[in-house]
Amino acid sequence: MGPPCYTLNGKNIVLMHGFKEYCALLFHKGALLKDDANILVQQTENVQGARQIRFTSLKEIKKLAPVLKAYIHNAIAVEKPERRCR
């Protein structure tokens, strides 16, 4: 079983990763997100669209909770189809 992945209408929104030195939220279309807090990290130069927010402590996660919620809502908005006027 892989890491938890949260989706909207069959599209991946955010994935939770656990690594030896940190844990992370991975946004599949992170390059399209507003990064006002400057916390999104490009995993490697070969990864084009995905971005991570990395954590090394629970205290850090709690401190960033409101910011994380905003990023998650932004990632959901990126995946929602635009409503078109007829």
PDB file of N, CA and C in Angstrom:
ATOM      1  N   MET A   1       0.846  -1.171   0.000  1.00  0.00           N
ATOM      2  CA  MET A   1       0.000   0.000   0.000  1.00  0.00           C
ATOM      3  C   MET A   1       0.895   1.238   0.000  1.00  0.00           C
ATOM      4  N   GLY A   2       0.568   2.183  -0.848  1.00  0.00           N
ATOM      5  CA  GLY A   2       1.379   3.381  -0.962  1.00  0.00           C
ATOM      6  C   GLY A   2       0.955   4.468   0.006  1.00  0.00           C
ATOM      7  N   PRO A   3       1.563   5.624  -0.109  1.00  0.00           N
ATOM      8  CA  PRO A   3       1.227   6.748   0.768  1.00  0.00           C
ATOM      9  C   PRO A   3      -0.186   7.265   0.471  1.00  0.00           C
ATOM     10  N   PRO A   4      -0.822   7.911   1.453  1.00  0.00           N
ATOM     11  CA  PRO A   4      -2.173   8.447   1.230  1.00  0.00           C
ATOM     12  C   PRO A   4      -2.169   9.504   0.130  1.00  0.00           C
ATOM     13  N   CYS A   5      -3.152   9.397  -0.751  1.00  0.00           N
ATOM     14  CA  CYS A   5      -3.308  10.351  -1.843  1.00  0.00           C
ATOM     15  C   CYS A   5      -4.748  10.843  -1.833  1.00  0.00           C
ATOM     16  N   TYR A   6      -4.930  12.124  -1.812  1.00  0.00           N
ATOM     17  CA  TYR A   6      -6.258  12.715  -1.792  1.00  0.00           C
ATOM     18  C   TYR A   6      -6.583  13.242  -3.178  1.00  0.00           C
ATOM     19  N   THR A   7      -7.803  12.921  -3.636  1.00  0.00           N
ATOM     20  CA  THR A   7      -8.194  13.225  -5.008  1.00  0.00           C
ATOM     21  C   THR A   7      -9.488  14.037  -5.051  1.00  0.00           C
ATOM     22  N   LEU A   8      -9.756  14.594  -6.216  1.00  0.00           N
ATOM     23  CA  LEU A   8     -11.007  15.279  -6.499  1.00  0.00           C
ATOM     24  C   LEU A   8     -11.428  14.879  -7.904  1.00  0.00           C
ATOM     25  N   ASN A   9     -12.577  14.257  -8.023  1.00  0.00           N
ATOM     26  CA  ASN A   9     -13.089  13.821  -9.323  1.00  0.00           C
ATOM     27  C   ASN A   9     -12.056  12.996 -10.094  1.00  0.00           C
ATOM     28  N   GLY A  10     -11.364  12.110  -9.385  1.00  0.00           N
ATOM     29  CA  GLY A  10     -10.388  11.237 -10.015  1.00  0.00           C
ATOM     30  C   GLY A  10      -9.037  11.870 -10.300  1.00  0.00           C
ATOM     31  N   LYS A  11      -8.848  13.111  -9.917  1.00  0.00           N
ATOM     32  CA  LYS A  11      -7.567  13.806 -10.133  1.00  0.00           C
ATOM     33  C   LYS A  11      -6.816  13.896  -8.816  1.00  0.00           C
ATOM     34  N   ASN A  12      -5.529  13.606  -8.846  1.00  0.00           N
ATOM     35  CA  ASN A  12      -4.694  13.689  -7.643  1.00  0.00           C
ATOM     36  C   ASN A  12      -4.505  15.142  -7.229  1.00  0.00           C
ATOM     37  N   ILE A  13      -4.739  15.412  -5.938  1.00  0.00           N
ATOM     38  CA  ILE A  13      -4.565  16.760  -5.400  1.00  0.00           C
ATOM     39  C   ILE A  13      -3.298  16.837  -4.562  1.00  0.00           C
ATOM     40  N   VAL A  14      -3.241  16.008  -3.515  1.00  0.00           N
ATOM     41  CA  VAL A  14      -2.094  16.055  -2.604  1.00  0.00           C
ATOM     42  C   VAL A  14      -1.797  14.648  -2.088  1.00  0.00           C
ATOM     43  N   LEU A  15      -0.522  14.361  -1.952  1.00  0.00           N
ATOM     44  CA  LEU A  15      -0.033  13.069  -1.489  1.00  0.00           C
ATOM     45  C   LEU A  15       0.817  13.310  -0.253  1.00  0.00           C
ATOM     46  N   MET A  16       0.714  12.423   0.722  1.00  0.00           N
ATOM     47  CA  MET A  16       1.532  12.542   1.931  1.00  0.00           C
ATOM     48  C   MET A  16       2.690  11.557   1.838  1.00  0.00           C
ATOM     49  N   HIS A  17       3.909  12.062   1.989  1.00  0.00           N
ATOM     50  CA  HIS A  17       5.119  11.251   1.890  1.00  0.00           C
ATOM     51  C   HIS A  17       5.837  11.216   3.231  1.00  0.00           C
ATOM     52  N   GLY A  18       6.415  10.091   3.571  1.00  0.00           N
ATOM     53  CA  GLY A  18       7.283   9.995   4.735  1.00  0.00           C
ATOM     54  C   GLY A  18       8.668   9.565   4.293  1.00  0.00           C
ATOM     55  N   PHE A  19       9.667  10.325   4.637  1.00  0.00           N
ATOM     56  CA  PHE A  19      11.047  10.023   4.294  1.00  0.00           C
ATOM     57  C   PHE A  19      11.864   9.908   5.574  1.00  0.00           C
ATOM     58  N   LYS A  20      13.098   9.501   5.444  1.00  0.00           N
ATOM     59  CA  LYS A  20      13.966   9.326   6.605  1.00  0.00           C
ATOM     60  C   LYS A  20      14.178  10.636   7.363  1.00  0.00           C
ATOM     61  N   GLU A  21      14.416  11.723   6.653  1.00  0.00           N
ATOM     62  CA  GLU A  21      14.758  12.991   7.299  1.00  0.00           C
ATOM     63  C   GLU A  21      13.612  14.004   7.362  1.00  0.00           C
ATOM     64  N   TYR A  22      12.527  13.748   6.652  1.00  0.00           N
ATOM     65  CA  TYR A  22      11.400  14.686   6.656  1.00  0.00           C
ATOM     66  C   TYR A  22      10.140  13.990   6.156  1.00  0.00           C
ATOM     67  N   CYS A  23       9.009  14.637   6.377  1.00  0.00           N
ATOM     68  CA  CYS A  23       7.776  14.209   5.731  1.00  0.00           C
ATOM     69  C   CYS A  23       7.340  15.370   4.842  1.00  0.00           C
ATOM     70  N   ALA A  24       6.439  15.083   3.916  1.00  0.00           N
ATOM     71  CA  ALA A  24       6.082  16.123   2.954  1.00  0.00           C
ATOM     72  C   ALA A  24       4.663  15.961   2.450  1.00  0.00           C
ATOM     73  N   LEU A  25       4.092  17.089   2.049  1.00  0.00           N
ATOM     74  CA  LEU A  25       2.881  17.103   1.260  1.00  0.00           C
ATOM     75  C   LEU A  25       3.326  17.353  -0.172  1.00  0.00           C
ATOM     76  N   LEU A  26       2.913  16.492  -1.081  1.00  0.00           N
ATOM     77  CA  LEU A  26       3.277  16.638  -2.491  1.00  0.00           C
ATOM     78  C   LEU A  26       2.049  17.082  -3.262  1.00  0.00           C
ATOM     79  N   PHE A  27       2.148  18.218  -3.896  1.00  0.00           N
ATOM     80  CA  PHE A  27       1.080  18.732  -4.741  1.00  0.00           C
ATOM     81  C   PHE A  27       1.425  18.387  -6.184  1.00  0.00           C
ATOM     82  N   HIS A  28       0.563  17.596  -6.808  1.00  0.00           N
ATOM     83  CA  HIS A  28       0.850  17.094  -8.151  1.00  0.00           C
ATOM     84  C   HIS A  28       0.980  18.209  -9.178  1.00  0.00           C
ATOM     85  N   LYS A  29       0.215  19.268  -9.016  1.00  0.00           N
ATOM     86  CA  LYS A  29       0.324  20.427  -9.914  1.00  0.00           C
ATOM     87  C   LYS A  29       0.822  21.642  -9.137  1.00  0.00           C
ATOM     88  N   GLY A  30       1.787  21.405  -8.278  1.00  0.00           N
ATOM     89  CA  GLY A  30       2.312  22.449  -7.401  1.00  0.00           C
ATOM     90  C   GLY A  30       2.902  23.642  -8.116  1.00  0.00           C
ATOM     91  N   ALA A  31       3.408  23.445  -9.323  1.00  0.00           N
ATOM     92  CA  ALA A  31       3.980  24.559 -10.078  1.00  0.00           C
ATOM     93  C   ALA A  31       2.916  25.595 -10.440  1.00  0.00           C
ATOM     94  N   LEU A  32       1.643  25.186 -10.401  1.00  0.00           N
ATOM     95  CA  LEU A  32       0.549  26.101 -10.727  1.00  0.00           C
ATOM     96  C   LEU A  32      -0.012  26.822  -9.503  1.00  0.00           C
ATOM     97  N   LEU A  33       0.469  26.475  -8.321  1.00  0.00           N
ATOM     98  CA  LEU A  33      -0.051  27.063  -7.094  1.00  0.00           C
ATOM     99  C   LEU A  33       0.608  28.402  -6.781  1.00  0.00           C
ATOM    100  N   LYS A  34      -0.149  29.265  -6.096  1.00  0.00           N
ATOM    101  CA  LYS A  34       0.433  30.491  -5.552  1.00  0.00           C
ATOM    102  C   LYS A  34       1.318  30.068  -4.385  1.00  0.00           C
ATOM    103  N   ASP A  35       2.526  30.575  -4.334  1.00  0.00           N
ATOM    104  CA  ASP A  35       3.453  30.210  -3.257  1.00  0.00           C
ATOM    105  C   ASP A  35       3.814  31.459  -2.454  1.00  0.00           C
ATOM    106  N   ASP A  36       2.788  32.102  -1.900  1.00  0.00           N
ATOM    107  CA  ASP A  36       2.996  33.347  -1.150  1.00  0.00           C
ATOM    108  C   ASP A  36       3.925  33.171   0.047  1.00  0.00           C
ATOM    109  N   ALA A  37       3.901  31.994   0.680  1.00  0.00           N
ATOM    110  CA  ALA A  37       4.755  31.744   1.850  1.00  0.00           C
ATOM    111  C   ALA A  37       6.141  31.239   1.445  1.00  0.00           C
ATOM    112  N   ASN A  38       6.358  31.045   0.153  1.00  0.00           N
ATOM    113  CA  ASN A  38       7.652  30.587  -0.378  1.00  0.00           C
ATOM    114  C   ASN A  38       8.111  29.286   0.299  1.00  0.00           C
ATOM    115  N   ILE A  39       7.205  28.299   0.344  1.00  0.00           N
ATOM    116  CA  ILE A  39       7.514  27.033   1.011  1.00  0.00           C
ATOM    117  C   ILE A  39       7.471  25.826   0.076  1.00  0.00           C
ATOM    118  N   LEU A  40       7.101  26.033  -1.180  1.00  0.00           N
ATOM    119  CA  LEU A  40       7.063  24.913  -2.119  1.00  0.00           C
ATOM    120  C   LEU A  40       8.467  24.599  -2.624  1.00  0.00           C
ATOM    121  N   VAL A  41       8.778  23.310  -2.660  1.00  0.00           N
ATOM    122  CA  VAL A  41      10.101  22.846  -3.067  1.00  0.00           C
ATOM    123  C   VAL A  41       9.961  21.949  -4.299  1.00  0.00           C
ATOM    124  N   GLN A  42      10.786  22.197  -5.301  1.00  0.00           N
ATOM    125  CA  GLN A  42      10.853  21.295  -6.454  1.00  0.00           C
ATOM    126  C   GLN A  42      11.730  20.117  -6.042  1.00  0.00           C
ATOM    127  N   GLN A  43      11.199  18.901  -6.137  1.00  0.00           N
ATOM    128  CA  GLN A  43      11.923  17.728  -5.649  1.00  0.00           C
ATOM    129  C   GLN A  43      13.296  17.580  -6.296  1.00  0.00           C
ATOM    130  N   THR A  44      13.317  17.531  -7.596  1.00  0.00           N
ATOM    131  CA  THR A  44      14.570  17.479  -8.356  1.00  0.00           C
ATOM    132  C   THR A  44      14.389  18.327  -9.598  1.00  0.00           C
ATOM    133  N   GLU A  45      15.457  18.607 -10.284  1.00  0.00           N
ATOM    134  CA  GLU A  45      15.338  19.428 -11.497  1.00  0.00           C
ATOM    135  C   GLU A  45      14.566  18.711 -12.594  1.00  0.00           C
ATOM    136  N   ASN A  46      14.456  17.378 -12.508  1.00  0.00           N
ATOM    137  CA  ASN A  46      13.727  16.613 -13.520  1.00  0.00           C
ATOM    138  C   ASN A  46      12.218  16.599 -13.299  1.00  0.00           C
ATOM    139  N   VAL A  47      11.769  16.970 -12.115  1.00  0.00           N
ATOM    140  CA  VAL A  47      10.339  17.015 -11.815  1.00  0.00           C
ATOM    141  C   VAL A  47       9.807  18.366 -12.281  1.00  0.00           C
ATOM    142  N   GLN A  48       8.849  18.337 -13.191  1.00  0.00           N
ATOM    143  CA  GLN A  48       8.371  19.582 -13.784  1.00  0.00           C
ATOM    144  C   GLN A  48       7.227  20.238 -13.007  1.00  0.00           C
ATOM    145  N   GLY A  49       6.149  19.501 -12.735  1.00  0.00           N
ATOM    146  CA  GLY A  49       4.956  20.124 -12.187  1.00  0.00           C
ATOM    147  C   GLY A  49       4.767  19.985 -10.694  1.00  0.00           C
ATOM    148  N   ALA A  50       5.202  18.894 -10.119  1.00  0.00           N
ATOM    149  CA  ALA A  50       4.955  18.624  -8.704  1.00  0.00           C
ATOM    150  C   ALA A  50       5.848  19.493  -7.810  1.00  0.00           C
ATOM    151  N   ARG A  51       5.307  19.836  -6.638  1.00  0.00           N
ATOM    152  CA  ARG A  51       6.068  20.578  -5.632  1.00  0.00           C
ATOM    153  C   ARG A  51       5.731  20.002  -4.263  1.00  0.00           C
ATOM    154  N   GLN A  52       6.679  20.115  -3.342  1.00  0.00           N
ATOM    155  CA  GLN A  52       6.511  19.607  -1.981  1.00  0.00           C
ATOM    156  C   GLN A  52       6.561  20.737  -0.967  1.00  0.00           C
ATOM    157  N   ILE A  53       5.893  20.480   0.162  1.00  0.00           N
ATOM    158  CA  ILE A  53       6.114  21.267   1.370  1.00  0.00           C
ATOM    159  C   ILE A  53       6.690  20.271   2.361  1.00  0.00           C
ATOM    160  N   ARG A  54       7.885  20.537   2.859  1.00  0.00           N
ATOM    161  CA  ARG A  54       8.597  19.591   3.731  1.00  0.00           C
ATOM    162  C   ARG A  54       8.517  20.009   5.189  1.00  0.00           C
ATOM    163  N   PHE A  55       8.461  18.982   6.070  1.00  0.00           N
ATOM    164  CA  PHE A  55       8.379  19.197   7.515  1.00  0.00           C
ATOM    165  C   PHE A  55       9.369  18.292   8.225  1.00  0.00           C
ATOM    166  N   THR A  56       9.917  18.790   9.319  1.00  0.00           N
ATOM    167  CA  THR A  56      10.808  17.967  10.137  1.00  0.00           C
ATOM    168  C   THR A  56      10.287  17.807  11.562  1.00  0.00           C
ATOM    169  N   SER A  57       9.130  18.447  11.876  1.00  0.00           N
ATOM    170  CA  SER A  57       8.567  18.301  13.224  1.00  0.00           C
ATOM    171  C   SER A  57       7.065  18.564  13.197  1.00  0.00           C
ATOM    172  N   LEU A  58       6.384  17.997  14.173  1.00  0.00           N
ATOM    173  CA  LEU A  58       4.955  18.239  14.337  1.00  0.00           C
ATOM    174  C   LEU A  58       4.701  19.708  14.655  1.00  0.00           C
ATOM    175  N   LYS A  59       5.591  20.309  15.423  1.00  0.00           N
ATOM    176  CA  LYS A  59       5.474  21.727  15.780  1.00  0.00           C
ATOM    177  C   LYS A  59       5.430  22.600  14.517  1.00  0.00           C
ATOM    178  N   GLU A  60       6.256  22.264  13.552  1.00  0.00           N
ATOM    179  CA  GLU A  60       6.299  23.000  12.289  1.00  0.00           C
ATOM    180  C   GLU A  60       4.973  22.870  11.533  1.00  0.00           C
ATOM    181  N   ILE A  61       4.406  21.673  11.533  1.00  0.00           N
ATOM    182  CA  ILE A  61       3.126  21.437  10.853  1.00  0.00           C
ATOM    183  C   ILE A  61       2.026  22.254  11.524  1.00  0.00           C
ATOM    184  N   LYS A  62       1.978  22.215  12.846  1.00  0.00           N
ATOM    185  CA  LYS A  62       0.952  22.963  13.577  1.00  0.00           C
ATOM    186  C   LYS A  62       1.067  24.462  13.321  1.00  0.00           C
ATOM    187  N   LYS A  63       2.283  24.960  13.290  1.00  0.00           N
ATOM    188  CA  LYS A  63       2.513  26.387  13.052  1.00  0.00           C
ATOM    189  C   LYS A  63       2.027  26.805  11.659  1.00  0.00           C
ATOM    190  N   LEU A  64       2.208  25.919  10.677  1.00  0.00           N
ATOM    191  CA  LEU A  64       1.842  26.226   9.295  1.00  0.00           C
ATOM    192  C   LEU A  64       0.415  25.817   8.933  1.00  0.00           C
ATOM    193  N   ALA A  65      -0.351  25.296   9.874  1.00  0.00           N
ATOM    194  CA  ALA A  65      -1.682  24.757   9.574  1.00  0.00           C
ATOM    195  C   ALA A  65      -2.558  25.688   8.724  1.00  0.00           C
ATOM    196  N   PRO A  66      -2.701  26.971   9.068  1.00  0.00           N
ATOM    197  CA  PRO A  66      -3.547  27.843   8.241  1.00  0.00           C
ATOM    198  C   PRO A  66      -3.002  28.005   6.821  1.00  0.00           C
ATOM    199  N   VAL A  67      -1.691  28.075   6.702  1.00  0.00           N
ATOM    200  CA  VAL A  67      -1.059  28.208   5.385  1.00  0.00           C
ATOM    201  C   VAL A  67      -1.276  26.928   4.579  1.00  0.00           C
ATOM    202  N   LEU A  68      -1.128  25.771   5.218  1.00  0.00           N
ATOM    203  CA  LEU A  68      -1.324  24.491   4.540  1.00  0.00           C
ATOM    204  C   LEU A  68      -2.748  24.363   4.018  1.00  0.00           C
ATOM    205  N   LYS A  69      -3.712  24.786   4.819  1.00  0.00           N
ATOM    206  CA  LYS A  69      -5.112  24.749   4.382  1.00  0.00           C
ATOM    207  C   LYS A  69      -5.303  25.608   3.139  1.00  0.00           C
ATOM    208  N   ALA A  70      -4.691  26.771   3.126  1.00  0.00           N
ATOM    209  CA  ALA A  70      -4.809  27.663   1.967  1.00  0.00           C
ATOM    210  C   ALA A  70      -4.193  27.018   0.717  1.00  0.00           C
ATOM    211  N   TYR A  71      -3.048  26.363   0.873  1.00  0.00           N
ATOM    212  CA  TYR A  71      -2.407  25.700  -0.269  1.00  0.00           C
ATOM    213  C   TYR A  71      -3.264  24.538  -0.768  1.00  0.00           C
ATOM    214  N   ILE A  72      -3.858  23.797   0.147  1.00  0.00           N
ATOM    215  CA  ILE A  72      -4.716  22.678  -0.248  1.00  0.00           C
ATOM    216  C   ILE A  72      -5.947  23.202  -0.991  1.00  0.00           C
ATOM    217  N   HIS A  73      -6.554  24.278  -0.492  1.00  0.00           N
ATOM    218  CA  HIS A  73      -7.709  24.860  -1.181  1.00  0.00           C
ATOM    219  C   HIS A  73      -7.307  25.370  -2.562  1.00  0.00           C
ATOM    220  N   ASN A  74      -6.121  25.935  -2.668  1.00  0.00           N
ATOM    221  CA  ASN A  74      -5.626  26.409  -3.957  1.00  0.00           C
ATOM    222  C   ASN A  74      -5.428  25.231  -4.918  1.00  0.00           C
ATOM    223  N   ALA A  75      -4.894  24.119  -4.420  1.00  0.00           N
ATOM    224  CA  ALA A  75      -4.686  22.926  -5.253  1.00  0.00           C
ATOM    225  C   ALA A  75      -6.027  22.359  -5.722  1.00  0.00           C
ATOM    226  N   ILE A  76      -7.036  22.415  -4.876  1.00  0.00           N
ATOM    227  CA  ILE A  76      -8.377  21.964  -5.273  1.00  0.00           C
ATOM    228  C   ILE A  76      -8.924  22.872  -6.367  1.00  0.00           C
ATOM    229  N   ALA A  77      -8.743  24.172  -6.207  1.00  0.00           N
ATOM    230  CA  ALA A  77      -9.223  25.128  -7.209  1.00  0.00           C
ATOM    231  C   ALA A  77      -8.563  24.899  -8.566  1.00  0.00           C
ATOM    232  N   VAL A  78      -7.293  24.529  -8.565  1.00  0.00           N
ATOM    233  CA  VAL A  78      -6.582  24.250  -9.821  1.00  0.00           C
ATOM    234  C   VAL A  78      -7.241  23.084 -10.562  1.00  0.00           C
ATOM    235  N   GLU A  79      -7.761  22.107  -9.819  1.00  0.00           N
ATOM    236  CA  GLU A  79      -8.363  20.922 -10.436  1.00  0.00           C
ATOM    237  C   GLU A  79      -9.832  21.080 -10.795  1.00  0.00           C
ATOM    238  N   LYS A  80     -10.505  22.055 -10.219  1.00  0.00           N
ATOM    239  CA  LYS A  80     -11.928  22.212 -10.521  1.00  0.00           C
ATOM    240  C   LYS A  80     -12.095  22.740 -11.932  1.00  0.00           C
ATOM    241  N   PRO A  81     -13.023  22.144 -12.676  1.00  0.00           N
ATOM    242  CA  PRO A  81     -13.271  22.656 -14.039  1.00  0.00           C
ATOM    243  C   PRO A  81     -13.899  24.035 -13.954  1.00  0.00           C
ATOM    244  N   GLU A  82     -13.514  24.874 -14.874  1.00  0.00           N
ATOM    245  CA  GLU A  82     -14.077  26.222 -14.906  1.00  0.00           C
ATOM    246  C   GLU A  82     -15.528  26.149 -15.330  1.00  0.00           C
ATOM    247  N   ARG A  83     -16.322  26.998 -14.736  1.00  0.00           N
ATOM    248  CA  ARG A  83     -17.717  27.081 -15.143  1.00  0.00           C
ATOM    249  C   ARG A  83     -17.790  28.074 -16.297  1.00  0.00           C
ATOM    250  N   ARG A  84     -18.387  27.645 -17.392  1.00  0.00           N
ATOM    251  CA  ARG A  84     -18.465  28.507 -18.557  1.00  0.00           C
ATOM    252  C   ARG A  84     -19.878  29.042 -18.724  1.00  0.00           C
ATOM    253  N   CYS A  85     -19.979  30.296 -19.091  1.00  0.00           N
ATOM    254  CA  CYS A  85     -21.284  30.907 -19.343  1.00  0.00           C
ATOM    255  C   CYS A  85     -21.746  30.507 -20.735  1.00  0.00           C
ATOM    256  N   ARG A  86     -23.034  30.311 -20.861  1.00  0.00           N
ATOM    257  CA  ARG A  86     -23.581  29.961 -22.188  1.00  0.00           C
ATOM    258  C   ARG A  86     -24.327  31.118 -22.759  1.00  0.00           C
TER     259      ARG A  86
END
